[in-house]
């Protein structure tokens, strides 16, 4: 083999090795992006979807406030639902599973569903239902429940309240004002993608304040009973204690009680979801 032939042969080998090295680097880069970059991008997308839905439910909470407290007859809001499903659970869809708020006062001012005085054994029971965003990828549930926006991680215990309901306790007059808000639909509505939520106020009930009694020994208690599938107990119990200043009832630890002699005003609202 001549000198020129050997040079051409060596040049061909060098070019092949260079091509293999570049090809290997490209394949390795694609593999690293697939192994580390893509899951990171998906995680960021899931986190973005979750944050968007948190804001969306707070928007719906403001719509509910307008219907309940400002006597606006109708609200319509368009939302983008990504990474999960938004579902409306009717306040009466299954009262054995849905969340409930139970209220009792020892003075007998509050009537229960039967019209009798509400007791611990037969309290005033309000099933609220909820508008719930569920994401299997984020392992998160976020709900608009009884005027509050609450969230929990499916794989972790506990829950947190992202936006509080419009409840009040005035220590000066020793008066508590409680608004109970439930959702009504013809059936369970579930959607994803871009949707329009249409709401209308259809019913409200007012329970007037108890008259001041000579004795301050009577108490007003509230208990939150969670949905059997979604438990927001930690969020509500924290709200009762830290925001409203309630204490656990010594004789009924599931109940949270206002200071003795509290006058209580209750108003219930029924909001119909006509489209989602």
Foldseek 3Di string as FASTA:
>chain_A
DDPVVVVVVVVVVVVVVVVVVVVVVVVVVVVCCVVPVVVVVVVVVLVVLVVQVLVVVVVVLVVVCCVPPVVDFKDKDKGAHPQWKKKWFFLVNPVVFAKKKFKAKPVQLDAAPVRGRADPVGTNIGRATWTWTQHPVQQKIWTCTQSWIKIDRNVDDAIATPGDHPWDADPVQLETEGEGEHEHEPHMDMDHGIWMWMKGWDDKDKRDWDDQDPDQAMKMKMAMDHGPVDDHRRHVVCCCCVPVVWDQDPVHRRITIRGGRHIYIYMYTYMYTYID
